[in-house]
N, C-alpha and C. Protein backbone atom coordinates (compact mmCIF):
# COMPACT_ATOMS: atom_id res chain seq x y z
N LEU A 1 -16.32 35.82 -72.12
CA LEU A 1 -14.75 35.00 -72.55
C LEU A 1 -13.48 35.97 -72.52
N LEU A 2 -12.48 35.01 -72.13
CA LEU A 2 -11.24 35.88 -71.71
C LEU A 2 -10.16 35.13 -73.35
N ASP A 3 -9.64 36.55 -73.61
CA ASP A 3 -9.17 36.22 -74.74
C ASP A 3 -7.54 35.71 -74.60
N LEU A 4 -7.32 34.28 -74.82
CA LEU A 4 -5.93 34.29 -74.46
C LEU A 4 -4.44 34.63 -74.97
N ASN A 5 -5.10 35.63 -75.37
CA ASN A 5 -3.64 36.31 -76.62
C ASN A 5 -3.81 37.59 -76.12
N ARG A 6 -5.20 38.08 -75.62
CA ARG A 6 -5.48 39.79 -75.37
C ARG A 6 -5.23 39.75 -73.96
N ALA A 7 -5.10 38.79 -73.34
CA ALA A 7 -4.99 38.70 -71.69
C ALA A 7 -4.30 39.12 -71.06
N THR A 8 -4.21 39.84 -69.94
CA THR A 8 -2.76 40.10 -69.44
C THR A 8 -2.33 39.01 -68.10
N GLU A 9 -1.52 39.49 -67.41
CA GLU A 9 -1.32 38.02 -66.55
C GLU A 9 -2.14 38.29 -65.42
N GLN A 10 -2.82 39.62 -64.93
CA GLN A 10 -3.60 39.73 -64.13
C GLN A 10 -4.93 39.12 -64.48
N ASP A 11 -5.11 39.08 -65.40
CA ASP A 11 -6.82 38.48 -66.48
C ASP A 11 -6.94 37.14 -66.06
N LEU A 12 -5.81 36.60 -66.47
CA LEU A 12 -5.49 35.05 -66.67
C LEU A 12 -5.65 34.20 -65.04
N ASP A 13 -4.88 35.23 -64.29
CA ASP A 13 -4.82 34.72 -62.44
C ASP A 13 -6.10 34.52 -61.92
N THR A 14 -7.51 35.32 -62.61
CA THR A 14 -8.63 35.62 -61.94
C THR A 14 -9.36 34.29 -62.49
N LEU A 15 -8.71 32.94 -63.30
CA LEU A 15 -9.57 32.07 -63.94
C LEU A 15 -8.95 31.02 -62.51
N PRO A 16 -10.27 29.86 -62.59
CA PRO A 16 -10.22 28.95 -61.60
C PRO A 16 -9.24 28.04 -61.96
N GLY A 17 -8.24 28.50 -60.86
CA GLY A 17 -6.94 27.21 -60.47
C GLY A 17 -5.70 27.45 -61.63
N ILE A 18 -6.07 28.98 -61.78
CA ILE A 18 -5.14 29.38 -62.16
C ILE A 18 -4.17 30.74 -61.37
N GLY A 19 -3.07 30.24 -60.60
CA GLY A 19 -2.64 31.23 -59.38
C GLY A 19 -1.59 32.12 -60.33
N PRO A 20 -0.98 33.29 -59.56
CA PRO A 20 0.11 34.05 -60.35
C PRO A 20 1.18 33.34 -61.12
N GLN A 21 2.07 32.28 -60.77
CA GLN A 21 3.25 31.43 -61.19
C GLN A 21 2.96 31.09 -62.74
N LEU A 22 1.45 30.06 -62.67
CA LEU A 22 0.58 29.88 -63.94
C LEU A 22 0.03 30.37 -64.91
N ALA A 23 -0.28 31.89 -64.60
CA ALA A 23 -0.50 32.91 -65.50
C ALA A 23 1.06 33.31 -66.24
N GLU A 24 1.94 33.05 -65.18
CA GLU A 24 3.44 34.16 -65.49
C GLU A 24 3.76 33.16 -66.50
N ARG A 25 3.63 31.42 -66.80
CA ARG A 25 3.84 30.43 -67.56
C ARG A 25 3.03 30.86 -69.05
N ILE A 26 1.80 31.11 -68.70
CA ILE A 26 1.18 31.37 -69.82
C ILE A 26 1.50 32.37 -70.51
N MET A 27 2.03 33.95 -69.41
CA MET A 27 2.16 34.26 -70.58
C MET A 27 3.86 34.32 -71.27
N GLU A 28 4.90 33.57 -70.79
CA GLU A 28 5.75 32.80 -71.12
C GLU A 28 5.88 32.55 -72.68
N TYR A 29 4.42 31.63 -72.07
CA TYR A 29 4.62 30.76 -73.26
C TYR A 29 4.03 31.40 -74.85
N ARG A 30 3.32 32.16 -74.52
CA ARG A 30 3.00 32.89 -75.93
C ARG A 30 3.72 34.15 -76.11
N GLN A 31 4.99 34.93 -75.39
CA GLN A 31 6.00 35.24 -75.78
C GLN A 31 7.01 34.14 -76.41
N SER A 32 7.48 33.15 -75.84
CA SER A 32 8.04 32.51 -76.65
C SER A 32 7.72 31.59 -77.96
N VAL A 33 6.59 30.97 -78.12
CA VAL A 33 5.56 30.84 -78.93
C VAL A 33 4.98 31.17 -80.14
N GLY A 34 4.73 32.56 -79.59
CA GLY A 34 3.47 33.39 -80.28
C GLY A 34 2.17 33.20 -80.18
N ALA A 35 1.29 33.96 -80.70
CA ALA A 35 0.21 33.41 -80.42
C ALA A 35 -0.43 32.29 -79.89
N PHE A 36 -1.89 31.62 -79.36
CA PHE A 36 -2.55 30.78 -79.57
C PHE A 36 -2.86 30.56 -80.62
N ARG A 37 -3.16 29.56 -81.20
CA ARG A 37 -4.03 29.13 -82.46
C ARG A 37 -5.22 27.87 -81.98
N SER A 38 -4.99 27.68 -81.27
CA SER A 38 -6.53 27.32 -80.28
C SER A 38 -6.28 27.37 -79.02
N LEU A 39 -7.37 26.72 -78.92
CA LEU A 39 -7.65 26.13 -76.86
C LEU A 39 -6.48 25.23 -76.73
N ASN A 40 -6.94 24.61 -77.28
CA ASN A 40 -6.33 22.84 -77.16
C ASN A 40 -4.26 23.10 -77.11
N GLU A 41 -3.63 24.26 -77.25
CA GLU A 41 -2.32 24.58 -77.31
C GLU A 41 -2.11 25.33 -75.84
N LEU A 42 -2.92 25.71 -75.04
CA LEU A 42 -2.95 25.48 -73.59
C LEU A 42 -2.72 24.63 -72.90
N ARG A 43 -2.77 23.25 -73.43
CA ARG A 43 -2.51 22.49 -72.31
C ARG A 43 -0.68 21.92 -72.90
N ALA A 44 0.07 23.08 -73.56
CA ALA A 44 1.02 22.95 -73.61
C ALA A 44 1.94 23.28 -72.40
N VAL A 45 1.33 24.18 -71.81
CA VAL A 45 1.46 24.67 -70.87
C VAL A 45 2.06 24.11 -69.23
N LYS A 46 3.54 24.15 -68.86
CA LYS A 46 3.51 23.36 -67.83
C LYS A 46 2.64 23.81 -66.72
N GLY A 47 1.88 22.64 -66.18
CA GLY A 47 1.28 22.98 -65.14
C GLY A 47 -0.51 23.00 -65.35
N ILE A 48 -0.56 22.96 -66.98
CA ILE A 48 -2.22 22.81 -66.97
C ILE A 48 -2.46 21.75 -67.39
N GLY A 49 -3.41 20.40 -66.94
CA GLY A 49 -3.73 19.31 -67.35
C GLY A 49 -4.63 19.06 -67.49
N ASN A 50 -5.25 17.56 -68.13
CA ASN A 50 -6.50 17.64 -68.33
C ASN A 50 -7.88 18.16 -67.29
N LYS A 51 -7.66 18.29 -66.51
CA LYS A 51 -8.54 18.84 -65.63
C LYS A 51 -8.92 20.20 -65.62
N LYS A 52 -7.49 20.67 -64.75
CA LYS A 52 -7.90 22.58 -64.82
C LYS A 52 -7.74 22.72 -66.43
N PHE A 53 -7.57 22.51 -67.62
CA PHE A 53 -7.66 22.66 -69.06
C PHE A 53 -9.73 22.50 -69.09
N ASP A 54 -10.16 21.16 -68.70
CA ASP A 54 -11.92 21.10 -68.98
C ASP A 54 -12.38 22.28 -68.15
N ARG A 55 -11.59 23.00 -66.71
CA ARG A 55 -12.28 23.89 -65.83
C ARG A 55 -12.09 24.96 -66.88
N ILE A 56 -11.04 25.36 -67.04
CA ILE A 56 -11.12 26.60 -67.96
C ILE A 56 -11.40 26.99 -68.91
N ARG A 57 -11.55 25.53 -69.50
CA ARG A 57 -11.82 26.04 -71.05
C ARG A 57 -13.08 26.50 -71.49
N PRO A 58 -14.60 26.46 -70.70
CA PRO A 58 -15.62 27.55 -71.10
C PRO A 58 -15.63 28.79 -70.68
N LEU A 59 -14.05 29.13 -70.17
CA LEU A 59 -14.00 30.94 -69.43
C LEU A 59 -12.85 31.18 -70.58
N VAL A 60 -12.54 30.61 -71.60
CA VAL A 60 -11.26 31.37 -72.64
C VAL A 60 -11.63 31.33 -73.92
N THR A 61 -11.14 31.89 -75.08
CA THR A 61 -10.93 32.02 -76.07
C THR A 61 -9.82 32.01 -76.88
N VAL A 62 -9.69 31.90 -78.15
CA VAL A 62 -8.77 32.77 -78.62
C VAL A 62 -9.73 33.23 -80.00
N SER A 63 -8.52 34.68 -80.25
CA SER A 63 -9.31 35.85 -81.62
C SER A 63 -8.88 34.75 -82.57
N PRO A 64 -9.81 34.44 -83.39
CA PRO A 64 -9.52 33.54 -84.85
C PRO A 64 -7.74 34.53 -85.51
N ASP A 65 -7.62 35.95 -85.69
CA ASP A 65 -7.13 36.34 -86.72
C ASP A 65 -5.61 36.50 -85.52
N ALA A 66 -5.82 36.43 -84.28
CA ALA A 66 -4.66 36.71 -83.21
C ALA A 66 -3.37 35.20 -83.42
N GLY A 67 -3.91 34.14 -83.65
CA GLY A 67 -3.07 33.15 -84.16
C GLY A 67 -2.15 32.74 -84.73
N LEU A 68 -2.31 34.25 -85.95
CA LEU A 68 -1.74 34.30 -86.83
C LEU A 68 -0.49 35.19 -86.84
N ILE A 69 -0.42 35.98 -85.67
CA ILE A 69 0.77 36.89 -84.93
C ILE A 69 1.79 36.01 -84.23
N GLY A 70 3.18 36.43 -84.84
CA GLY A 70 3.94 36.05 -84.09
C GLY A 70 4.41 34.47 -84.50
N ARG A 71 3.75 34.47 -85.49
CA ARG A 71 3.87 32.98 -86.23
C ARG A 71 4.40 32.76 -87.50
N GLY A 72 5.09 33.69 -87.79
CA GLY A 72 5.60 34.18 -89.28
C GLY A 72 4.58 33.57 -90.66
N LYS A 73 3.38 33.89 -90.65
CA LYS A 73 2.33 33.46 -91.32
C LYS A 73 2.55 35.07 -91.82
N LYS A 74 1.73 35.16 -92.98
CA LYS A 74 1.01 36.46 -93.35
C LYS A 74 -0.33 36.33 -93.43
N THR A 75 -0.52 37.60 -93.41
CA THR A 75 -2.24 37.56 -92.79
C THR A 75 -2.48 38.60 -94.60
N THR A 76 -3.24 38.20 -95.16
CA THR A 76 -3.74 39.00 -96.70
C THR A 76 -5.25 39.16 -96.28
């Protein structure tokens, strides 16, 4: 499984239906909003609709602690 919070742009580009431009948008989203807290948050990226999301959902994951990074939450 590919961790959305640790993946590089090149890693994301290998997913079905995700080309270089969409991989770049995912990276920009992660940089501007912070780490993904859930897979469903990927739908907020422009260009990822329900069909594309359903296609890549089994191939990606979000690490449980990475969702706290960059969101202003403290880890204890």
